[in-house]
Structures are given as structure tokens and as C-alpha cells.
Amino acid sequence: MTNAQNAPVPAGPTTTSQDVLAATMAALMPLGAGFTVTLGYLWLDIFGLIVGLGAAAGWAYWWRNKHGAFFPADLRGGSVGGFGALVAVIGLFFLIALVP
């Protein structure tokens, strides 16, 4: 076996829409994880913090298993839109939890 056979296949050029979807996911992932952890802490103190960390880790694990990578080359707008809607709902709960 030669080194040429072991060389990784170069990725093809990406489109602008794929780059925008990847950038959107790069912004939504830490935002959603942060909302989840902070929301757990606001609701249940230290136990909620632990639950929030577990939920964020499970969310990342599910996403990676579903798509094969955190930022796959074939991201779909529907997946990113659904992810954005979920982050928006968690953010809404976060804002509601901040109100005394």
C-alpha cells in the first residue's frame, strides 16, 4: 500500500449557502448549550446545572450520530432551521425563568 492510497480525499468546493448553514450551526450550538445549562441552573440550582450539562452533551451526541459530524458537508436548511427553532424555544424558557 502506498502513501497515495492513504491520503485523505480533498473536499470539494462548498457553496455559499453551505458556508452560511455551517456558520449558523457554529453559532447555534454553543448558544443552545449555554441556554440549556443556564436554564437548568436557574430552575434547579446545582442539580439543574448537572442535568443541563447532561442534556447539552446528549444533544451534541445525538446531532453527531445523526449527521456523522458536527458540521457535515451536506447540511440541510431544514435541519438548521429545526435546530434554530429548538434554540429559540429554549431561549424563550430562559427569558421566562429570568423574570421574578
PDB file of N, CA and C in Angstrom:
ATOM      1  N   MET A   1       0.849  -1.166   0.000  1.00  0.00           N
ATOM      2  CA  MET A   1       0.000   0.000   0.000  1.00  0.00           C
ATOM      3  C   MET A   1       0.903   1.240   0.000  1.00  0.00           C
ATOM      4  N   THR A   2       0.598   2.170  -0.839  1.00  0.00           N
ATOM      5  CA  THR A   2       1.419   3.381  -0.943  1.00  0.00           C
ATOM      6  C   THR A   2       0.792   4.512  -0.153  1.00  0.00           C
ATOM      7  N   ASN A   3       1.543   5.554   0.010  1.00  0.00           N
ATOM      8  CA  ASN A   3       1.034   6.719   0.728  1.00  0.00           C
ATOM      9  C   ASN A   3      -0.104   7.398  -0.024  1.00  0.00           C
ATOM     10  N   ALA A   4      -0.108   7.275  -1.339  1.00  0.00           N
ATOM     11  CA  ALA A   4      -1.170   7.899  -2.127  1.00  0.00           C
ATOM     12  C   ALA A   4      -2.522   7.267  -1.809  1.00  0.00           C
ATOM     13  N   GLN A   5      -2.530   5.980  -1.483  1.00  0.00           N
ATOM     14  CA  GLN A   5      -3.792   5.323  -1.169  1.00  0.00           C
ATOM     15  C   GLN A   5      -4.304   5.725   0.213  1.00  0.00           C
ATOM     16  N   ASN A   6      -3.422   6.147   1.095  1.00  0.00           N
ATOM     17  CA  ASN A   6      -3.819   6.552   2.437  1.00  0.00           C
ATOM     18  C   ASN A   6      -4.149   8.029   2.550  1.00  0.00           C
ATOM     19  N   ALA A   7      -3.883   8.782   1.522  1.00  0.00           N
ATOM     20  CA  ALA A   7      -4.111  10.225   1.574  1.00  0.00           C
ATOM     21  C   ALA A   7      -5.611  10.511   1.632  1.00  0.00           C
ATOM     22  N   PRO A   8      -6.018  11.467   2.455  1.00  0.00           N
ATOM     23  CA  PRO A   8      -7.446  11.800   2.511  1.00  0.00           C
ATOM     24  C   PRO A   8      -7.913  12.436   1.207  1.00  0.00           C
ATOM     25  N   VAL A   9      -9.141  12.171   0.888  1.00  0.00           N
ATOM     26  CA  VAL A   9      -9.724  12.742  -0.319  1.00  0.00           C
ATOM     27  C   VAL A   9      -9.997  14.214  -0.058  1.00  0.00           C
ATOM     28  N   PRO A  10      -9.503  15.093  -0.914  1.00  0.00           N
ATOM     29  CA  PRO A  10      -9.757  16.517  -0.679  1.00  0.00           C
ATOM     30  C   PRO A  10     -11.242  16.826  -0.838  1.00  0.00           C
ATOM     31  N   ALA A  11     -11.733  17.653   0.044  1.00  0.00           N
ATOM     32  CA  ALA A  11     -13.147  18.031  -0.006  1.00  0.00           C
ATOM     33  C   ALA A  11     -13.386  18.929  -1.208  1.00  0.00           C
ATOM     34  N   GLY A  12     -14.521  18.756  -1.814  1.00  0.00           N
ATOM     35  CA  GLY A  12     -14.869  19.586  -2.949  1.00  0.00           C
ATOM     36  C   GLY A  12     -15.208  21.002  -2.507  1.00  0.00           C
ATOM     37  N   PRO A  13     -15.295  21.880  -3.450  1.00  0.00           N
ATOM     38  CA  PRO A  13     -15.629  23.259  -3.081  1.00  0.00           C
ATOM     39  C   PRO A  13     -17.036  23.336  -2.502  1.00  0.00           C
ATOM     40  N   THR A  14     -17.191  24.184  -1.522  1.00  0.00           N
ATOM     41  CA  THR A  14     -18.506  24.348  -0.910  1.00  0.00           C
ATOM     42  C   THR A  14     -19.206  25.543  -1.531  1.00  0.00           C
ATOM     43  N   THR A  15     -20.491  25.534  -1.420  1.00  0.00           N
ATOM     44  CA  THR A  15     -21.262  26.659  -1.921  1.00  0.00           C
ATOM     45  C   THR A  15     -21.418  27.685  -0.811  1.00  0.00           C
ATOM     46  N   THR A  16     -21.834  28.861  -1.186  1.00  0.00           N
ATOM     47  CA  THR A  16     -22.033  29.919  -0.203  1.00  0.00           C
ATOM     48  C   THR A  16     -23.136  29.540   0.774  1.00  0.00           C
ATOM     49  N   SER A  17     -24.190  28.903   0.288  1.00  0.00           N
ATOM     50  CA  SER A  17     -25.281  28.511   1.185  1.00  0.00           C
ATOM     51  C   SER A  17     -24.807  27.479   2.210  1.00  0.00           C
ATOM     52  N   GLN A  18     -23.944  26.551   1.800  1.00  0.00           N
ATOM     53  CA  GLN A  18     -23.405  25.582   2.755  1.00  0.00           C
ATOM     54  C   GLN A  18     -22.534  26.268   3.802  1.00  0.00           C
ATOM     55  N   ASP A  19     -21.786  27.271   3.377  1.00  0.00           N
ATOM     56  CA  ASP A  19     -20.961  28.012   4.326  1.00  0.00           C
ATOM     57  C   ASP A  19     -21.821  28.781   5.321  1.00  0.00           C
ATOM     58  N   VAL A  20     -22.913  29.362   4.850  1.00  0.00           N
ATOM     59  CA  VAL A  20     -23.819  30.101   5.734  1.00  0.00           C
ATOM     60  C   VAL A  20     -24.485  29.147   6.721  1.00  0.00           C
ATOM     61  N   LEU A  21     -24.914  27.978   6.253  1.00  0.00           N
ATOM     62  CA  LEU A  21     -25.525  26.993   7.144  1.00  0.00           C
ATOM     63  C   LEU A  21     -24.523  26.508   8.198  1.00  0.00           C
ATOM     64  N   ALA A  22     -23.276  26.281   7.798  1.00  0.00           N
ATOM     65  CA  ALA A  22     -22.258  25.851   8.755  1.00  0.00           C
ATOM     66  C   ALA A  22     -21.970  26.953   9.774  1.00  0.00           C
ATOM     67  N   ALA A  23     -21.917  28.194   9.336  1.00  0.00           N
ATOM     68  CA  ALA A  23     -21.688  29.308  10.260  1.00  0.00           C
ATOM     69  C   ALA A  23     -22.863  29.466  11.221  1.00  0.00           C
ATOM     70  N   THR A  24     -24.064  29.267  10.719  1.00  0.00           N
ATOM     71  CA  THR A  24     -25.247  29.350  11.577  1.00  0.00           C
ATOM     72  C   THR A  24     -25.213  28.243  12.632  1.00  0.00           C
ATOM     73  N   MET A  25     -24.843  27.041  12.232  1.00  0.00           N
ATOM     74  CA  MET A  25     -24.734  25.947  13.191  1.00  0.00           C
ATOM     75  C   MET A  25     -23.630  26.223  14.200  1.00  0.00           C
ATOM     76  N   ALA A  26     -22.530  26.821  13.739  1.00  0.00           N
ATOM     77  CA  ALA A  26     -21.425  27.137  14.645  1.00  0.00           C
ATOM     78  C   ALA A  26     -21.851  28.157  15.698  1.00  0.00           C
ATOM     79  N   ALA A  27     -22.813  29.010  15.370  1.00  0.00           N
ATOM     80  CA  ALA A  27     -23.321  29.974  16.346  1.00  0.00           C
ATOM     81  C   ALA A  27     -24.406  29.359  17.230  1.00  0.00           C
ATOM     82  N   LEU A  28     -25.243  28.510  16.664  1.00  0.00           N
ATOM     83  CA  LEU A  28     -26.367  27.946  17.411  1.00  0.00           C
ATOM     84  C   LEU A  28     -25.950  26.880  18.424  1.00  0.00           C
ATOM     85  N   MET A  29     -24.915  26.095  18.121  1.00  0.00           N
ATOM     86  CA  MET A  29     -24.518  25.008  19.030  1.00  0.00           C
ATOM     87  C   MET A  29     -24.102  25.519  20.411  1.00  0.00           C
ATOM     88  N   PRO A  30     -23.158  26.439  20.510  1.00  0.00           N
ATOM     89  CA  PRO A  30     -22.803  26.901  21.861  1.00  0.00           C
ATOM     90  C   PRO A  30     -23.898  27.740  22.509  1.00  0.00           C
ATOM     91  N   LEU A  31     -24.670  28.468  21.701  1.00  0.00           N
ATOM     92  CA  LEU A  31     -25.776  29.253  22.248  1.00  0.00           C
ATOM     93  C   LEU A  31     -26.819  28.338  22.874  1.00  0.00           C
ATOM     94  N   GLY A  32     -27.204  27.289  22.158  1.00  0.00           N
ATOM     95  CA  GLY A  32     -28.183  26.331  22.689  1.00  0.00           C
ATOM     96  C   GLY A  32     -27.669  25.595  23.912  1.00  0.00           C
ATOM     97  N   ALA A  33     -26.397  25.197  23.889  1.00  0.00           N
ATOM     98  CA  ALA A  33     -25.821  24.514  25.049  1.00  0.00           C
ATOM     99  C   ALA A  33     -25.778  25.448  26.254  1.00  0.00           C
ATOM    100  N   GLY A  34     -25.405  26.687  26.031  1.00  0.00           N
ATOM    101  CA  GLY A  34     -25.357  27.658  27.124  1.00  0.00           C
ATOM    102  C   GLY A  34     -26.723  27.935  27.707  1.00  0.00           C
ATOM    103  N   PHE A  35     -27.724  28.100  26.843  1.00  0.00           N
ATOM    104  CA  PHE A  35     -29.093  28.289  27.325  1.00  0.00           C
ATOM    105  C   PHE A  35     -29.554  27.090  28.142  1.00  0.00           C
ATOM    106  N   THR A  36     -29.255  25.883  27.670  1.00  0.00           N
ATOM    107  CA  THR A  36     -29.695  24.671  28.354  1.00  0.00           C
ATOM    108  C   THR A  36     -29.068  24.558  29.741  1.00  0.00           C
ATOM    109  N   VAL A  37     -27.776  24.795  29.831  1.00  0.00           N
ATOM    110  CA  VAL A  37     -27.083  24.690  31.118  1.00  0.00           C
ATOM    111  C   VAL A  37     -27.561  25.783  32.071  1.00  0.00           C
ATOM    112  N   THR A  38     -27.658  27.003  31.572  1.00  0.00           N
ATOM    113  CA  THR A  38     -28.081  28.109  32.437  1.00  0.00           C
ATOM    114  C   THR A  38     -29.532  27.960  32.861  1.00  0.00           C
ATOM    115  N   LEU A  39     -30.376  27.491  31.972  1.00  0.00           N
ATOM    116  CA  LEU A  39     -31.777  27.271  32.321  1.00  0.00           C
ATOM    117  C   LEU A  39     -31.899  26.200  33.401  1.00  0.00           C
ATOM    118  N   GLY A  40     -31.144  25.126  33.275  1.00  0.00           N
ATOM    119  CA  GLY A  40     -31.150  24.097  34.313  1.00  0.00           C
ATOM    120  C   GLY A  40     -30.703  24.657  35.648  1.00  0.00           C
ATOM    121  N   TYR A  41     -29.693  25.506  35.643  1.00  0.00           N
ATOM    122  CA  TYR A  41     -29.209  26.104  36.885  1.00  0.00           C
ATOM    123  C   TYR A  41     -30.248  27.051  37.485  1.00  0.00           C
ATOM    124  N   LEU A  42     -30.915  27.838  36.644  1.00  0.00           N
ATOM    125  CA  LEU A  42     -31.931  28.760  37.155  1.00  0.00           C
ATOM    126  C   LEU A  42     -33.114  28.023  37.769  1.00  0.00           C
ATOM    127  N   TRP A  43     -33.483  26.887  37.188  1.00  0.00           N
ATOM    128  CA  TRP A  43     -34.643  26.154  37.678  1.00  0.00           C
ATOM    129  C   TRP A  43     -34.330  25.283  38.886  1.00  0.00           C
ATOM    130  N   LEU A  44     -33.170  24.596  38.880  1.00  0.00           N
ATOM    131  CA  LEU A  44     -32.916  23.577  39.902  1.00  0.00           C
ATOM    132  C   LEU A  44     -31.558  23.706  40.584  1.00  0.00           C
ATOM    133  N   ASP A  45     -30.943  24.848  40.541  1.00  0.00           N
ATOM    134  CA  ASP A  45     -29.641  25.098  41.165  1.00  0.00           C
ATOM    135  C   ASP A  45     -28.585  24.104  40.672  1.00  0.00           C
ATOM    136  N   ILE A  46     -27.790  23.552  41.564  1.00  0.00           N
ATOM    137  CA  ILE A  46     -26.659  22.711  41.170  1.00  0.00           C
ATOM    138  C   ILE A  46     -27.123  21.441  40.455  1.00  0.00           C
ATOM    139  N   PHE A  47     -28.201  20.829  40.939  1.00  0.00           N
ATOM    140  CA  PHE A  47     -28.723  19.644  40.264  1.00  0.00           C
ATOM    141  C   PHE A  47     -29.135  19.988  38.828  1.00  0.00           C
ATOM    142  N   GLY A  48     -29.756  21.136  38.637  1.00  0.00           N
ATOM    143  CA  GLY A  48     -30.145  21.577  37.304  1.00  0.00           C
ATOM    144  C   GLY A  48     -28.949  21.849  36.410  1.00  0.00           C
ATOM    145  N   LEU A  49     -27.868  22.340  37.006  1.00  0.00           N
ATOM    146  CA  LEU A  49     -26.637  22.550  36.250  1.00  0.00           C
ATOM    147  C   LEU A  49     -26.122  21.225  35.702  1.00  0.00           C
ATOM    148  N   ILE A  50     -26.139  20.204  36.546  1.00  0.00           N
ATOM    149  CA  ILE A  50     -25.683  18.878  36.121  1.00  0.00           C
ATOM    150  C   ILE A  50     -26.616  18.311  35.047  1.00  0.00           C
ATOM    151  N   VAL A  51     -27.911  18.471  35.242  1.00  0.00           N
ATOM    152  CA  VAL A  51     -28.881  17.997  34.248  1.00  0.00           C
ATOM    153  C   VAL A  51     -28.702  18.758  32.933  1.00  0.00           C
ATOM    154  N   GLY A  52     -28.481  20.064  33.012  1.00  0.00           N
ATOM    155  CA  GLY A  52     -28.262  20.877  31.817  1.00  0.00           C
ATOM    156  C   GLY A  52     -27.011  20.465  31.066  1.00  0.00           C
ATOM    157  N   LEU A  53     -25.937  20.176  31.800  1.00  0.00           N
ATOM    158  CA  LEU A  53     -24.714  19.702  31.147  1.00  0.00           C
ATOM    159  C   LEU A  53     -24.950  18.357  30.459  1.00  0.00           C
ATOM    160  N   GLY A  54     -25.693  17.472  31.132  1.00  0.00           N
ATOM    161  CA  GLY A  54     -26.018  16.183  30.524  1.00  0.00           C
ATOM    162  C   GLY A  54     -26.891  16.338  29.290  1.00  0.00           C
ATOM    163  N   ALA A  55     -27.845  17.257  29.362  1.00  0.00           N
ATOM    164  CA  ALA A  55     -28.724  17.496  28.209  1.00  0.00           C
ATOM    165  C   ALA A  55     -27.942  18.079  27.035  1.00  0.00           C
ATOM    166  N   ALA A  56     -27.033  19.006  27.309  1.00  0.00           N
ATOM    167  CA  ALA A  56     -26.231  19.595  26.242  1.00  0.00           C
ATOM    168  C   ALA A  56     -25.311  18.552  25.614  1.00  0.00           C
ATOM    169  N   ALA A  57     -24.712  17.702  26.434  1.00  0.00           N
ATOM    170  CA  ALA A  57     -23.842  16.644  25.914  1.00  0.00           C
ATOM    171  C   ALA A  57     -24.653  15.621  25.106  1.00  0.00           C
ATOM    172  N   GLY A  58     -25.841  15.274  25.592  1.00  0.00           N
ATOM    173  CA  GLY A  58     -26.705  14.356  24.849  1.00  0.00           C
ATOM    174  C   GLY A  58     -27.173  14.936  23.534  1.00  0.00           C
ATOM    175  N   TRP A  59     -27.454  16.221  23.539  1.00  0.00           N
ATOM    176  CA  TRP A  59     -27.870  16.917  22.320  1.00  0.00           C
ATOM    177  C   TRP A  59     -26.741  16.859  21.284  1.00  0.00           C
ATOM    178  N   ALA A  60     -25.514  17.165  21.714  1.00  0.00           N
ATOM    179  CA  ALA A  60     -24.373  17.128  20.800  1.00  0.00           C
ATOM    180  C   ALA A  60     -24.114  15.700  20.292  1.00  0.00           C
ATOM    181  N   TYR A  61     -24.250  14.714  21.185  1.00  0.00           N
ATOM    182  CA  TYR A  61     -24.056  13.316  20.802  1.00  0.00           C
ATOM    183  C   TYR A  61     -25.098  12.887  19.766  1.00  0.00           C
ATOM    184  N   TRP A  62     -26.354  13.277  19.996  1.00  0.00           N
ATOM    185  CA  TRP A  62     -27.420  12.929  19.052  1.00  0.00           C
ATOM    186  C   TRP A  62     -27.163  13.564  17.691  1.00  0.00           C
ATOM    187  N   TRP A  63     -26.784  14.843  17.679  1.00  0.00           N
ATOM    188  CA  TRP A  63     -26.556  15.555  16.419  1.00  0.00           C
ATOM    189  C   TRP A  63     -25.414  14.896  15.635  1.00  0.00           C
ATOM    190  N   ARG A  64     -24.336  14.571  16.328  1.00  0.00           N
ATOM    191  CA  ARG A  64     -23.192  13.985  15.648  1.00  0.00           C
ATOM    192  C   ARG A  64     -23.523  12.599  15.103  1.00  0.00           C
ATOM    193  N   ASN A  65     -24.265  11.790  15.859  1.00  0.00           N
ATOM    194  CA  ASN A  65     -24.647  10.463  15.367  1.00  0.00           C
ATOM    195  C   ASN A  65     -25.618  10.559  14.203  1.00  0.00           C
ATOM    196  N   LYS A  66     -26.486  11.530  14.211  1.00  0.00           N
ATOM    197  CA  LYS A  66     -27.466  11.676  13.135  1.00  0.00           C
ATOM    198  C   LYS A  66     -26.813  12.104  11.827  1.00  0.00           C
ATOM    199  N   HIS A  67     -25.850  13.034  11.911  1.00  0.00           N
ATOM    200  CA  HIS A  67     -25.247  13.604  10.711  1.00  0.00           C
ATOM    201  C   HIS A  67     -23.842  13.101  10.415  1.00  0.00           C
ATOM    202  N   GLY A  68     -23.240  12.331  11.322  1.00  0.00           N
ATOM    203  CA  GLY A  68     -21.908  11.799  11.081  1.00  0.00           C
ATOM    204  C   GLY A  68     -20.782  12.758  11.425  1.00  0.00           C
ATOM    205  N   ALA A  69     -21.097  14.015  11.644  1.00  0.00           N
ATOM    206  CA  ALA A  69     -20.102  15.029  12.015  1.00  0.00           C
ATOM    207  C   ALA A  69     -20.864  16.220  12.575  1.00  0.00           C
ATOM    208  N   PHE A  70     -20.149  17.070  13.293  1.00  0.00           N
ATOM    209  CA  PHE A  70     -20.826  18.258  13.803  1.00  0.00           C
ATOM    210  C   PHE A  70     -21.177  19.220  12.671  1.00  0.00           C
ATOM    211  N   PHE A  71     -20.303  19.304  11.677  1.00  0.00           N
ATOM    212  CA  PHE A  71     -20.544  20.171  10.526  1.00  0.00           C
ATOM    213  C   PHE A  71     -20.405  19.359   9.247  1.00  0.00           C
ATOM    214  N   PRO A  72     -21.427  18.571   8.904  1.00  0.00           N
ATOM    215  CA  PRO A  72     -21.325  17.752   7.698  1.00  0.00           C
ATOM    216  C   PRO A  72     -21.332  18.617   6.441  1.00  0.00           C
ATOM    217  N   ALA A  73     -20.810  18.053   5.379  1.00  0.00           N
ATOM    218  CA  ALA A  73     -20.725  18.800   4.122  1.00  0.00           C
ATOM    219  C   ALA A  73     -22.089  19.010   3.477  1.00  0.00           C
ATOM    220  N   ASP A  74     -23.062  18.205   3.822  1.00  0.00           N
ATOM    221  CA  ASP A  74     -24.380  18.288   3.190  1.00  0.00           C
ATOM    222  C   ASP A  74     -25.457  18.747   4.175  1.00  0.00           C
ATOM    223  N   LEU A  75     -25.184  19.818   4.903  1.00  0.00           N
ATOM    224  CA  LEU A  75     -26.192  20.358   5.823  1.00  0.00           C
ATOM    225  C   LEU A  75     -27.425  20.782   5.057  1.00  0.00           C
ATOM    226  N   ARG A  76     -28.567  20.529   5.617  1.00  0.00           N
ATOM    227  CA  ARG A  76     -29.832  20.924   5.008  1.00  0.00           C
ATOM    228  C   ARG A  76     -30.412  22.094   5.782  1.00  0.00           C
ATOM    229  N   GLY A  77     -31.111  22.944   5.086  1.00  0.00           N
ATOM    230  CA  GLY A  77     -31.734  24.101   5.729  1.00  0.00           C
ATOM    231  C   GLY A  77     -32.761  23.700   6.763  1.00  0.00           C
ATOM    232  N   GLY A  78     -33.463  22.590   6.518  1.00  0.00           N
ATOM    233  CA  GLY A  78     -34.469  22.130   7.467  1.00  0.00           C
ATOM    234  C   GLY A  78     -33.865  21.702   8.793  1.00  0.00           C
ATOM    235  N   SER A  79     -32.712  21.043   8.740  1.00  0.00           N
ATOM    236  CA  SER A  79     -32.043  20.633   9.978  1.00  0.00           C
ATOM    237  C   SER A  79     -31.583  21.847  10.771  1.00  0.00           C
ATOM    238  N   VAL A  80     -30.993  22.808  10.076  1.00  0.00           N
ATOM    239  CA  VAL A  80     -30.517  24.013  10.746  1.00  0.00           C
ATOM    240  C   VAL A  80     -31.693  24.837  11.247  1.00  0.00           C
ATOM    241  N   GLY A  81     -32.770  24.896  10.479  1.00  0.00           N
ATOM    242  CA  GLY A  81     -33.968  25.619  10.911  1.00  0.00           C
ATOM    243  C   GLY A  81     -34.612  24.980  12.126  1.00  0.00           C
ATOM    244  N   GLY A  82     -34.684  23.660  12.150  1.00  0.00           N
ATOM    245  CA  GLY A  82     -35.221  22.961  13.317  1.00  0.00           C
ATOM    246  C   GLY A  82     -34.363  23.174  14.538  1.00  0.00           C
ATOM    247  N   PHE A  83     -33.062  23.150  14.348  1.00  0.00           N
ATOM    248  CA  PHE A  83     -32.126  23.401  15.431  1.00  0.00           C
ATOM    249  C   PHE A  83     -32.299  24.827  15.949  1.00  0.00           C
ATOM    250  N   GLY A  84     -32.466  25.772  15.025  1.00  0.00           N
ATOM    251  CA  GLY A  84     -32.687  27.167  15.411  1.00  0.00           C
ATOM    252  C   GLY A  84     -33.994  27.353  16.163  1.00  0.00           C
ATOM    253  N   ALA A  85     -35.037  26.644  15.731  1.00  0.00           N
ATOM    254  CA  ALA A  85     -36.325  26.738  16.427  1.00  0.00           C
ATOM    255  C   ALA A  85     -36.212  26.167  17.837  1.00  0.00           C
ATOM    256  N   LEU A  86     -35.493  25.078  18.004  1.00  0.00           N
ATOM    257  CA  LEU A  86     -35.296  24.499  19.326  1.00  0.00           C
ATOM    258  C   LEU A  86     -34.511  25.441  20.233  1.00  0.00           C
ATOM    259  N   VAL A  87     -33.481  26.080  19.693  1.00  0.00           N
ATOM    260  CA  VAL A  87     -32.717  27.052  20.476  1.00  0.00           C
ATOM    261  C   VAL A  87     -33.596  28.246  20.839  1.00  0.00           C
ATOM    262  N   ALA A  88     -34.466  28.659  19.934  1.00  0.00           N
ATOM    263  CA  ALA A  88     -35.371  29.780  20.218  1.00  0.00           C
ATOM    264  C   ALA A  88     -36.339  29.429  21.351  1.00  0.00           C
ATOM    265  N   VAL A  89     -36.867  28.216  21.351  1.00  0.00           N
ATOM    266  CA  VAL A  89     -37.777  27.791  22.421  1.00  0.00           C
ATOM    267  C   VAL A  89     -37.038  27.734  23.756  1.00  0.00           C
ATOM    268  N   ILE A  90     -35.835  27.171  23.755  1.00  0.00           N
ATOM    269  CA  ILE A  90     -35.045  27.119  24.987  1.00  0.00           C
ATOM    270  C   ILE A  90     -34.700  28.530  25.444  1.00  0.00           C
ATOM    271  N   GLY A  91     -34.387  29.424  24.502  1.00  0.00           N
ATOM    272  CA  GLY A  91     -34.112  30.821  24.846  1.00  0.00           C
ATOM    273  C   GLY A  91     -35.330  31.510  25.426  1.00  0.00           C
ATOM    274  N   LEU A  92     -36.509  31.199  24.911  1.00  0.00           N
ATOM    275  CA  LEU A  92     -37.735  31.770  25.463  1.00  0.00           C
ATOM    276  C   LEU A  92     -37.953  31.292  26.902  1.00  0.00           C
ATOM    277  N   PHE A  93     -37.753  30.010  27.140  1.00  0.00           N
ATOM    278  CA  PHE A  93     -37.847  29.492  28.514  1.00  0.00           C
ATOM    279  C   PHE A  93     -36.815  30.158  29.417  1.00  0.00           C
ATOM    280  N   PHE A  94     -35.628  30.394  28.877  1.00  0.00           N
ATOM    281  CA  PHE A  94     -34.580  31.067  29.637  1.00  0.00           C
ATOM    282  C   PHE A  94     -35.016  32.472  30.032  1.00  0.00           C
ATOM    283  N   LEU A  95     -35.588  33.214  29.101  1.00  0.00           N
ATOM    284  CA  LEU A  95     -36.051  34.573  29.410  1.00  0.00           C
ATOM    285  C   LEU A  95     -37.206  34.558  30.415  1.00  0.00           C
ATOM    286  N   ILE A  96     -38.098  33.590  30.288  1.00  0.00           N
ATOM    287  CA  ILE A  96     -39.199  33.465  31.240  1.00  0.00           C
ATOM    288  C   ILE A  96     -38.661  33.132  32.632  1.00  0.00           C
ATOM    289  N   ALA A  97     -37.626  32.318  32.715  1.00  0.00           N
ATOM    290  CA  ALA A  97     -37.046  31.948  34.013  1.00  0.00           C
ATOM    291  C   ALA A  97     -36.355  33.130  34.673  1.00  0.00           C
ATOM    292  N   LEU A  98     -35.915  34.110  33.893  1.00  0.00           N
ATOM    293  CA  LEU A  98     -35.252  35.280  34.462  1.00  0.00           C
ATOM    294  C   LEU A  98     -36.224  36.248  35.129  1.00  0.00           C
ATOM    295  N   VAL A  99     -37.486  36.205  34.723  1.00  0.00           N
ATOM    296  CA  VAL A  99     -38.491  37.103  35.294  1.00  0.00           C
ATOM    297  C   VAL A  99     -38.854  36.611  36.680  1.00  0.00           C
ATOM    298  N   PRO A 100     -38.766  37.487  37.692  1.00  0.00           N
ATOM    299  CA  PRO A 100     -39.083  37.031  39.066  1.00  0.00           C
ATOM    300  C   PRO A 100     -40.538  36.732  39.286  1.00  0.00           C
TER     301      PRO A 100
END
